[in-house]
PDB file of all heavy atoms in Angstrom:
ATOM      1  N   VAL A   1      73.724 -39.979  41.414  1.00  0.00           N
ATOM      2  CA  VAL A   1      73.298 -40.134  40.021  1.00  0.00           C
ATOM      3  C   VAL A   1      71.840 -40.579  39.980  1.00  0.00           C
ATOM      4  O   VAL A   1      71.478 -41.604  40.573  1.00  0.00           O
ATOM      5  CB  VAL A   1      74.170 -41.165  39.275  1.00  0.00           C
ATOM      6  CG1 VAL A   1      73.672 -41.346  37.841  1.00  0.00           C
ATOM      7  CG2 VAL A   1      75.633 -40.749  39.296  1.00  0.00           C
ATOM      8  N   ARG A   2      71.004 -39.801  39.294  1.00  0.00           N
ATOM      9  CA  ARG A   2      69.627 -40.232  39.051  1.00  0.00           C
ATOM     10  C   ARG A   2      69.587 -40.946  37.700  1.00  0.00           C
ATOM     11  O   ARG A   2      70.176 -40.480  36.731  1.00  0.00           O
ATOM     12  CB  ARG A   2      68.669 -39.037  39.044  1.00  0.00           C
ATOM     13  CG  ARG A   2      68.425 -38.466  40.432  1.00  0.00           C
ATOM     14  CD  ARG A   2      67.191 -37.585  40.476  1.00  0.00           C
ATOM     15  NE  ARG A   2      66.952 -37.069  41.813  1.00  0.00           N
ATOM     16  CZ  ARG A   2      66.276 -37.685  42.769  1.00  0.00           C
ATOM     17  NH1 ARG A   2      65.753 -38.876  42.512  1.00  0.00           N
ATOM     18  NH2 ARG A   2      66.119 -37.143  43.957  1.00  0.00           N
ATOM     19  N   TYR A   3      68.889 -42.072  37.661  1.00  0.00           N
ATOM     20  CA  TYR A   3      68.858 -42.845  36.419  1.00  0.00           C
ATOM     21  C   TYR A   3      67.447 -43.347  36.128  1.00  0.00           C
ATOM     22  O   TYR A   3      66.597 -43.446  37.019  1.00  0.00           O
ATOM     23  CB  TYR A   3      69.839 -44.021  36.490  1.00  0.00           C
ATOM     24  CG  TYR A   3      69.498 -45.082  37.512  1.00  0.00           C
ATOM     25  CD1 TYR A   3      68.668 -46.160  37.186  1.00  0.00           C
ATOM     26  CD2 TYR A   3      70.009 -45.019  38.810  1.00  0.00           C
ATOM     27  CE1 TYR A   3      68.364 -47.140  38.115  1.00  0.00           C
ATOM     28  CE2 TYR A   3      69.702 -45.989  39.747  1.00  0.00           C
ATOM     29  CZ  TYR A   3      68.883 -47.042  39.396  1.00  0.00           C
ATOM     30  OH  TYR A   3      68.572 -48.006  40.327  1.00  0.00           O
ATOM     31  N   GLU A   4      67.224 -43.642  34.870  1.00  0.00           N
ATOM     32  CA  GLU A   4      65.961 -44.215  34.421  1.00  0.00           C
ATOM     33  C   GLU A   4      66.266 -45.437  33.581  1.00  0.00           C
ATOM     34  O   GLU A   4      67.111 -45.388  32.684  1.00  0.00           O
ATOM     35  CB  GLU A   4      65.162 -43.201  33.592  1.00  0.00           C
ATOM     36  CG  GLU A   4      63.863 -43.763  33.031  1.00  0.00           C
ATOM     37  CD  GLU A   4      63.133 -42.766  32.142  1.00  0.00           C
ATOM     38  OE1 GLU A   4      63.641 -41.639  31.943  1.00  0.00           O
ATOM     39  OE2 GLU A   4      62.040 -43.130  31.639  1.00  0.00           O
ATOM     40  N   ASN A   5      65.570 -46.522  33.860  1.00  0.00           N
ATOM     41  CA  ASN A   5      65.746 -47.742  33.083  1.00  0.00           C
ATOM     42  C   ASN A   5      64.956 -47.696  31.781  1.00  0.00           C
ATOM     43  O   ASN A   5      63.975 -46.965  31.654  1.00  0.00           O
ATOM     44  CB  ASN A   5      65.301 -48.964  33.891  1.00  0.00           C
ATOM     45  CG  ASN A   5      66.379 -49.475  34.831  1.00  0.00           C
ATOM     46  OD1 ASN A   5      67.498 -48.975  34.830  1.00  0.00           O
ATOM     47  ND2 ASN A   5      66.041 -50.464  35.640  1.00  0.00           N
ATOM     48  N   THR A   6      65.376 -48.518  30.835  1.00  0.00           N
ATOM     49  CA  THR A   6      64.669 -48.624  29.568  1.00  0.00           C
ATOM     50  C   THR A   6      63.234 -49.084  29.785  1.00  0.00           C
ATOM     51  O   THR A   6      62.930 -49.811  30.733  1.00  0.00           O
ATOM     52  CB  THR A   6      65.374 -49.615  28.626  1.00  0.00           C
ATOM     53  OG1 THR A   6      64.644 -49.690  27.401  1.00  0.00           O
ATOM     54  CG2 THR A   6      65.465 -51.004  29.233  1.00  0.00           C
ATOM     55  N   ARG A   7      62.344 -48.646  28.887  1.00  0.00           N
ATOM     56  CA  ARG A   7      60.961 -49.122  28.891  1.00  0.00           C
ATOM     57  C   ARG A   7      60.763 -50.191  27.810  1.00  0.00           C
ATOM     58  O   ARG A   7      59.628 -50.610  27.568  1.00  0.00           O
ATOM     59  CB  ARG A   7      60.004 -47.944  28.675  1.00  0.00           C
ATOM     60  CG  ARG A   7      59.994 -46.954  29.845  1.00  0.00           C
ATOM     61  CD  ARG A   7      59.245 -45.672  29.515  1.00  0.00           C
ATOM     62  NE  ARG A   7      57.808 -45.852  29.433  1.00  0.00           N
ATOM     63  CZ  ARG A   7      56.938 -45.430  30.347  1.00  0.00           C
ATOM     64  NH1 ARG A   7      57.370 -44.798  31.443  1.00  0.00           N
ATOM     65  NH2 ARG A   7      55.639 -45.620  30.206  1.00  0.00           N
ATOM     66  N   SER A   8      61.836 -50.602  27.180  1.00  0.00           N
ATOM     67  CA  SER A   8      61.773 -51.627  26.133  1.00  0.00           C
ATOM     68  C   SER A   8      62.041 -52.998  26.744  1.00  0.00           C
ATOM     69  O   SER A   8      63.144 -53.256  27.247  1.00  0.00           O
ATOM     70  CB  SER A   8      62.803 -51.345  25.037  1.00  0.00           C
ATOM     71  OG  SER A   8      62.994 -52.483  24.224  1.00  0.00           O
ATOM     72  N   LEU A   9      61.050 -53.874  26.691  1.00  0.00           N
ATOM     73  CA  LEU A   9      61.234 -55.220  27.232  1.00  0.00           C
ATOM     74  C   LEU A   9      62.328 -55.955  26.465  1.00  0.00           C
ATOM     75  O   LEU A   9      63.124 -56.694  27.058  1.00  0.00           O
ATOM     76  CB  LEU A   9      59.916 -55.995  27.160  1.00  0.00           C
ATOM     77  CG  LEU A   9      59.949 -57.421  27.706  1.00  0.00           C
ATOM     78  CD1 LEU A   9      60.285 -57.422  29.190  1.00  0.00           C
ATOM     79  CD2 LEU A   9      58.616 -58.136  27.463  1.00  0.00           C
ATOM     80  N   THR A  10      62.388 -55.761  25.167  1.00  0.00           N
ATOM     81  CA  THR A  10      63.406 -56.420  24.345  1.00  0.00           C
ATOM     82  C   THR A  10      64.812 -56.070  24.826  1.00  0.00           C
ATOM     83  O   THR A  10      65.669 -56.946  24.993  1.00  0.00           O
ATOM     84  CB  THR A  10      63.245 -56.025  22.864  1.00  0.00           C
ATOM     85  OG1 THR A  10      61.939 -56.368  22.422  1.00  0.00           O
ATOM     86  CG2 THR A  10      64.287 -56.725  22.006  1.00  0.00           C
ATOM     87  N   LYS A  11      65.049 -54.779  25.048  1.00  0.00           N
ATOM     88  CA  LYS A  11      66.359 -54.353  25.531  1.00  0.00           C
ATOM     89  C   LYS A  11      66.630 -54.858  26.939  1.00  0.00           C
ATOM     90  O   LYS A  11      67.741 -55.298  27.260  1.00  0.00           O
ATOM     91  CB  LYS A  11      66.466 -52.818  25.490  1.00  0.00           C
ATOM     92  CG  LYS A  11      66.537 -52.235  24.095  1.00  0.00           C
ATOM     93  CD  LYS A  11      66.711 -50.719  24.139  1.00  0.00           C
ATOM     94  CE  LYS A  11      66.842 -50.141  22.736  1.00  0.00           C
ATOM     95  NZ  LYS A  11      67.019 -48.665  22.774  1.00  0.00           N
ATOM     96  N   TYR A  12      65.599 -54.803  27.774  1.00  0.00           N
ATOM     97  CA  TYR A  12      65.795 -55.185  29.173  1.00  0.00           C
ATOM     98  C   TYR A  12      66.209 -56.649  29.304  1.00  0.00           C
ATOM     99  O   TYR A  12      67.146 -56.971  30.048  1.00  0.00           O
ATOM    100  CB  TYR A  12      64.519 -54.914  29.972  1.00  0.00           C
ATOM    101  CG  TYR A  12      64.707 -55.078  31.461  1.00  0.00           C
ATOM    102  CD1 TYR A  12      65.256 -54.057  32.241  1.00  0.00           C
ATOM    103  CD2 TYR A  12      64.372 -56.277  32.092  1.00  0.00           C
ATOM    104  CE1 TYR A  12      65.453 -54.226  33.603  1.00  0.00           C
ATOM    105  CE2 TYR A  12      64.567 -56.449  33.456  1.00  0.00           C
ATOM    106  CZ  TYR A  12      65.112 -55.417  34.204  1.00  0.00           C
ATOM    107  OH  TYR A  12      65.318 -55.588  35.556  1.00  0.00           O
ATOM    108  N   VAL A  13      65.548 -57.540  28.583  1.00  0.00           N
ATOM    109  CA  VAL A  13      65.878 -58.961  28.717  1.00  0.00           C
ATOM    110  C   VAL A  13      67.245 -59.275  28.113  1.00  0.00           C
ATOM    111  O   VAL A  13      67.848 -60.309  28.427  1.00  0.00           O
ATOM    112  CB  VAL A  13      64.777 -59.860  28.088  1.00  0.00           C
ATOM    113  CG1 VAL A  13      63.454 -59.666  28.806  1.00  0.00           C
ATOM    114  CG2 VAL A  13      64.646 -59.624  26.602  1.00  0.00           C
ATOM    115  N   LYS A  14      67.750 -58.361  27.268  1.00  0.00           N
ATOM    116  CA  LYS A  14      69.102 -58.522  26.726  1.00  0.00           C
ATOM    117  C   LYS A  14      70.166 -57.967  27.668  1.00  0.00           C
ATOM    118  O   LYS A  14      71.361 -58.054  27.379  1.00  0.00           O
ATOM    119  CB  LYS A  14      69.217 -57.806  25.382  1.00  0.00           C
ATOM    120  CG  LYS A  14      68.459 -58.479  24.244  1.00  0.00           C
ATOM    121  CD  LYS A  14      68.655 -57.681  22.945  1.00  0.00           C
ATOM    122  CE  LYS A  14      67.952 -58.345  21.776  1.00  0.00           C
ATOM    123  NZ  LYS A  14      68.111 -57.543  20.520  1.00  0.00           N
ATOM    124  N   GLY A  15      69.719 -57.384  28.766  1.00  0.00           N
ATOM    125  CA  GLY A  15      70.667 -56.817  29.726  1.00  0.00           C
ATOM    126  C   GLY A  15      70.998 -55.365  29.483  1.00  0.00           C
ATOM    127  O   GLY A  15      71.891 -54.809  30.129  1.00  0.00           O
ATOM    128  N   GLU A  16      70.288 -54.726  28.549  1.00  0.00           N
ATOM    129  CA  GLU A  16      70.490 -53.294  28.297  1.00  0.00           C
ATOM    130  C   GLU A  16      69.512 -52.523  29.192  1.00  0.00           C
ATOM    131  O   GLU A  16      68.477 -52.030  28.763  1.00  0.00           O
ATOM    132  CB  GLU A  16      70.238 -52.980  26.821  1.00  0.00           C
ATOM    133  CG  GLU A  16      71.166 -53.736  25.885  1.00  0.00           C
ATOM    134  CD  GLU A  16      70.779 -53.567  24.419  1.00  0.00           C
ATOM    135  OE1 GLU A  16      70.098 -52.567  24.085  1.00  0.00           O
ATOM    136  OE2 GLU A  16      71.148 -54.432  23.612  1.00  0.00           O
ATOM    137  N   PHE A  17      69.851 -52.417  30.478  1.00  0.00           N
ATOM    138  CA  PHE A  17      68.916 -51.916  31.474  1.00  0.00           C
ATOM    139  C   PHE A  17      68.734 -50.397  31.428  1.00  0.00           C
ATOM    140  O   PHE A  17      67.636 -49.884  31.591  1.00  0.00           O
ATOM    141  CB  PHE A  17      69.376 -52.320  32.877  1.00  0.00           C
ATOM    142  CG  PHE A  17      69.630 -53.794  33.027  1.00  0.00           C
ATOM    143  CD1 PHE A  17      70.863 -54.269  33.447  1.00  0.00           C
ATOM    144  CD2 PHE A  17      68.628 -54.712  32.739  1.00  0.00           C
ATOM    145  CE1 PHE A  17      71.098 -55.616  33.595  1.00  0.00           C
ATOM    146  CE2 PHE A  17      68.851 -56.077  32.884  1.00  0.00           C
ATOM    147  CZ  PHE A  17      70.089 -56.526  33.309  1.00  0.00           C
ATOM    148  N   LEU A  18      69.817 -49.689  31.222  1.00  0.00           N
ATOM    149  CA  LEU A  18      69.806 -48.241  31.424  1.00  0.00           C
ATOM    150  C   LEU A  18      69.288 -47.484  30.201  1.00  0.00           C
ATOM    151  O   LEU A  18      69.675 -47.766  29.068  1.00  0.00           O
ATOM    152  CB  LEU A  18      71.223 -47.750  31.753  1.00  0.00           C
ATOM    153  CG  LEU A  18      71.363 -46.315  32.244  1.00  0.00           C
ATOM    154  CD1 LEU A  18      70.684 -46.138  33.592  1.00  0.00           C
ATOM    155  CD2 LEU A  18      72.844 -45.952  32.352  1.00  0.00           C
ATOM    156  N   LYS A  19      68.402 -46.512  30.448  1.00  0.00           N
ATOM    157  CA  LYS A  19      67.956 -45.602  29.395  1.00  0.00           C
ATOM    158  C   LYS A  19      68.716 -44.287  29.469  1.00  0.00           C
ATOM    159  O   LYS A  19      69.209 -43.775  28.467  1.00  0.00           O
ATOM    160  CB  LYS A  19      66.456 -45.344  29.507  1.00  0.00           C
ATOM    161  CG  LYS A  19      65.937 -44.322  28.492  1.00  0.00           C
ATOM    162  CD  LYS A  19      64.458 -44.022  28.690  1.00  0.00           C
ATOM    163  CE  LYS A  19      63.979 -42.951  27.714  1.00  0.00           C
ATOM    164  NZ  LYS A  19      62.548 -42.602  27.940  1.00  0.00           N
ATOM    165  N   SER A  20      68.817 -43.715  30.663  1.00  0.00           N
ATOM    166  CA  SER A  20      69.516 -42.436  30.825  1.00  0.00           C
ATOM    167  C   SER A  20      69.969 -42.286  32.264  1.00  0.00           C
ATOM    168  O   SER A  20      69.442 -42.937  33.176  1.00  0.00           O
ATOM    169  CB  SER A  20      68.597 -41.261  30.452  1.00  0.00           C
ATOM    170  OG  SER A  20      67.489 -41.197  31.337  1.00  0.00           O
ATOM    171  N   GLU A  21      70.942 -41.430  32.458  1.00  0.00           N
ATOM    172  CA  GLU A  21      71.391 -41.104  33.809  1.00  0.00           C
ATOM    173  C   GLU A  21      71.897 -39.678  33.846  1.00  0.00           C
ATOM    174  O   GLU A  21      72.333 -39.122  32.832  1.00  0.00           O
ATOM    175  CB  GLU A  21      72.467 -42.074  34.290  1.00  0.00           C
ATOM    176  CG  GLU A  21      73.734 -42.095  33.462  1.00  0.00           C
ATOM    177  CD  GLU A  21      74.742 -43.119  33.980  1.00  0.00           C
ATOM    178  OE1 GLU A  21      74.473 -43.753  35.010  1.00  0.00           O
ATOM    179  OE2 GLU A  21      75.803 -43.253  33.361  1.00  0.00           O
ATOM    180  N   GLU A  22      71.803 -39.081  35.024  1.00  0.00           N
ATOM    181  CA  GLU A  22      72.210 -37.689  35.196  1.00  0.00           C
ATOM    182  C   GLU A  22      73.016 -37.561  36.485  1.00  0.00           C
ATOM    183  O   GLU A  22      72.537 -37.916  37.568  1.00  0.00           O
ATOM    184  CB  GLU A  22      70.975 -36.786  35.273  1.00  0.00           C
ATOM    185  CG  GLU A  22      71.304 -35.320  35.506  1.00  0.00           C
ATOM    186  CD  GLU A  22      70.067 -34.463  35.733  1.00  0.00           C
ATOM    187  OE1 GLU A  22      68.963 -35.019  35.839  1.00  0.00           O
ATOM    188  OE2 GLU A  22      70.222 -33.230  35.828  1.00  0.00           O
ATOM    189  N   ILE A  23      74.235 -37.082  36.356  1.00  0.00           N
ATOM    190  CA  ILE A  23      75.059 -36.812  37.533  1.00  0.00           C
ATOM    191  C   ILE A  23      74.626 -35.468  38.104  1.00  0.00           C
ATOM    192  O   ILE A  23      74.677 -34.443  37.415  1.00  0.00           O
ATOM    193  CB  ILE A  23      76.552 -36.791  37.174  1.00  0.00           C
ATOM    194  CG1 ILE A  23      76.974 -38.132  36.580  1.00  0.00           C
ATOM    195  CG2 ILE A  23      77.395 -36.465  38.399  1.00  0.00           C
ATOM    196  CD1 ILE A  23      78.397 -38.143  36.043  1.00  0.00           C
ATOM    197  N   LEU A  24      74.189 -35.462  39.343  1.00  0.00           N
ATOM    198  CA  LEU A  24      73.638 -34.248  39.936  1.00  0.00           C
ATOM    199  C   LEU A  24      74.726 -33.400  40.573  1.00  0.00           C
ATOM    200  O   LEU A  24      75.597 -33.907  41.283  1.00  0.00           O
ATOM    201  CB  LEU A  24      72.591 -34.601  40.999  1.00  0.00           C
ATOM    202  CG  LEU A  24      71.372 -35.413  40.533  1.00  0.00           C
ATOM    203  CD1 LEU A  24      70.368 -35.544  41.680  1.00  0.00           C
ATOM    204  CD2 LEU A  24      70.707 -34.779  39.328  1.00  0.00           C
ATOM    205  N   SER A  25      74.654 -32.116  40.311  1.00  0.00           N
ATOM    206  CA  SER A  25      75.539 -31.175  40.995  1.00  0.00           C
ATOM    207  C   SER A  25      74.958 -30.885  42.381  1.00  0.00           C
ATOM    208  O   SER A  25      73.821 -31.248  42.688  1.00  0.00           O
ATOM    209  CB  SER A  25      75.627 -29.870  40.200  1.00  0.00           C
ATOM    210  OG  SER A  25      74.357 -29.215  40.187  1.00  0.00           O
ATOM    211  N   LYS A  26      75.727 -30.216  43.198  1.00  0.00           N
ATOM    212  CA  LYS A  26      75.234 -29.817  44.525  1.00  0.00           C
ATOM    213  C   LYS A  26      74.002 -28.941  44.384  1.00  0.00           C
ATOM    214  O   LYS A  26      73.027 -29.076  45.139  1.00  0.00           O
ATOM    215  CB  LYS A  26      76.337 -29.078  45.277  1.00  0.00           C
ATOM    216  CG  LYS A  26      75.941 -28.637  46.681  1.00  0.00           C
ATOM    217  CD  LYS A  26      77.102 -27.955  47.375  1.00  0.00           C
ATOM    218  CE  LYS A  26      76.722 -27.464  48.758  1.00  0.00           C
ATOM    219  NZ  LYS A  26      77.864 -26.783  49.438  1.00  0.00           N
ATOM    220  N   GLU A  27      74.005 -28.065  43.391  1.00  0.00           N
ATOM    221  CA  GLU A  27      72.858 -27.184  43.154  1.00  0.00           C
ATOM    222  C   GLU A  27      71.625 -28.002  42.767  1.00  0.00           C
ATOM    223  O   GLU A  27      70.516 -27.739  43.246  1.00  0.00           O
ATOM    224  CB  GLU A  27      73.187 -26.180  42.055  1.00  0.00           C
ATOM    225  CG  GLU A  27      72.089 -25.155  41.795  1.00  0.00           C
ATOM    226  CD  GLU A  27      72.462 -24.180  40.690  1.00  0.00           C
ATOM    227  OE1 GLU A  27      72.774 -24.656  39.572  1.00  0.00           O
ATOM    228  OE2 GLU A  27      72.455 -22.964  40.939  1.00  0.00           O
ATOM    229  N   ASP A  28      71.812 -29.005  41.892  1.00  0.00           N
ATOM    230  CA  ASP A  28      70.705 -29.881  41.495  1.00  0.00           C
ATOM    231  C   ASP A  28      70.087 -30.553  42.725  1.00  0.00           C
ATOM    232  O   ASP A  28      68.862 -30.626  42.867  1.00  0.00           O
ATOM    233  CB  ASP A  28      71.180 -30.979  40.538  1.00  0.00           C
ATOM    234  CG  ASP A  28      71.622 -30.442  39.191  1.00  0.00           C
ATOM    235  OD1 ASP A  28      71.103 -29.396  38.770  1.00  0.00           O
ATOM    236  OD2 ASP A  28      72.501 -31.079  38.573  1.00  0.00           O
ATOM    237  N   LYS A  29      70.943 -31.060  43.597  1.00  0.00           N
ATOM    238  CA  LYS A  29      70.457 -31.773  44.784  1.00  0.00           C
ATOM    239  C   LYS A  29      69.662 -30.832  45.691  1.00  0.00           C
ATOM    240  O   LYS A  29      68.636 -31.239  46.266  1.00  0.00           O
ATOM    241  CB  LYS A  29      71.631 -32.371  45.550  1.00  0.00           C
ATOM    242  CG  LYS A  29      72.360 -33.471  44.790  1.00  0.00           C
ATOM    243  CD  LYS A  29      73.582 -33.949  45.559  1.00  0.00           C
ATOM    244  CE  LYS A  29      74.376 -34.967  44.763  1.00  0.00           C
ATOM    245  NZ  LYS A  29      75.604 -35.402  45.474  1.00  0.00           N
ATOM    246  N   MET A  30      70.104 -29.589  45.801  1.00  0.00           N
ATOM    247  CA  MET A  30      69.392 -28.640  46.651  1.00  0.00           C
ATOM    248  C   MET A  30      68.043 -28.261  46.043  1.00  0.00           C
ATOM    249  O   MET A  30      67.052 -28.107  46.765  1.00  0.00           O
ATOM    250  CB  MET A  30      70.259 -27.399  46.897  1.00  0.00           C
ATOM    251  CG  MET A  30      71.446 -27.671  47.805  1.00  0.00           C
ATOM    252  SD  MET A  30      72.350 -26.188  48.317  1.00  0.00           S
ATOM    253  CE  MET A  30      73.109 -25.701  46.763  1.00  0.00           C
ATOM    254  N   TYR A  31      67.979 -28.120  44.727  1.00  0.00           N
ATOM    255  CA  TYR A  31      66.693 -27.876  44.066  1.00  0.00           C
ATOM    256  C   TYR A  31      65.738 -29.044  44.311  1.00  0.00           C
ATOM    257  O   TYR A  31      64.559 -28.851  44.617  1.00  0.00           O
ATOM    258  CB  TYR A  31      66.895 -27.686  42.557  1.00  0.00           C
ATOM    259  CG  TYR A  31      67.345 -26.303  42.151  1.00  0.00           C
ATOM    260  CD1 TYR A  31      68.401 -26.134  41.250  1.00  0.00           C
ATOM    261  CD2 TYR A  31      66.707 -25.172  42.636  1.00  0.00           C
ATOM    262  CE1 TYR A  31      68.818 -24.861  40.872  1.00  0.00           C
ATOM    263  CE2 TYR A  31      67.120 -23.900  42.263  1.00  0.00           C
ATOM    264  CZ  TYR A  31      68.171 -23.749  41.375  1.00  0.00           C
ATOM    265  OH  TYR A  31      68.585 -22.488  40.997  1.00  0.00           O
ATOM    266  N   ASN A  32      66.258 -30.266  44.173  1.00  0.00           N
ATOM    267  CA  ASN A  32      65.421 -31.441  44.418  1.00  0.00           C
ATOM    268  C   ASN A  32      64.934 -31.487  45.853  1.00  0.00           C
ATOM    269  O   ASN A  32      63.808 -31.918  46.130  1.00  0.00           O
ATOM    270  CB  ASN A  32      66.196 -32.724  44.083  1.00  0.00           C
ATOM    271  CG  ASN A  32      66.369 -32.919  42.593  1.00  0.00           C
ATOM    272  OD1 ASN A  32      65.629 -32.366  41.788  1.00  0.00           O
ATOM    273  ND2 ASN A  32      67.361 -33.707  42.211  1.00  0.00           N
TER     274      ASN A  32
END
């Protein structure tokens, strides 16, 4: 899973760390 954390300091200090995530397929991993 590739993920990106929030860029909002307000959310981060509240413990809302995650902005988005993507479950990679085998094909995705090979492209990467």
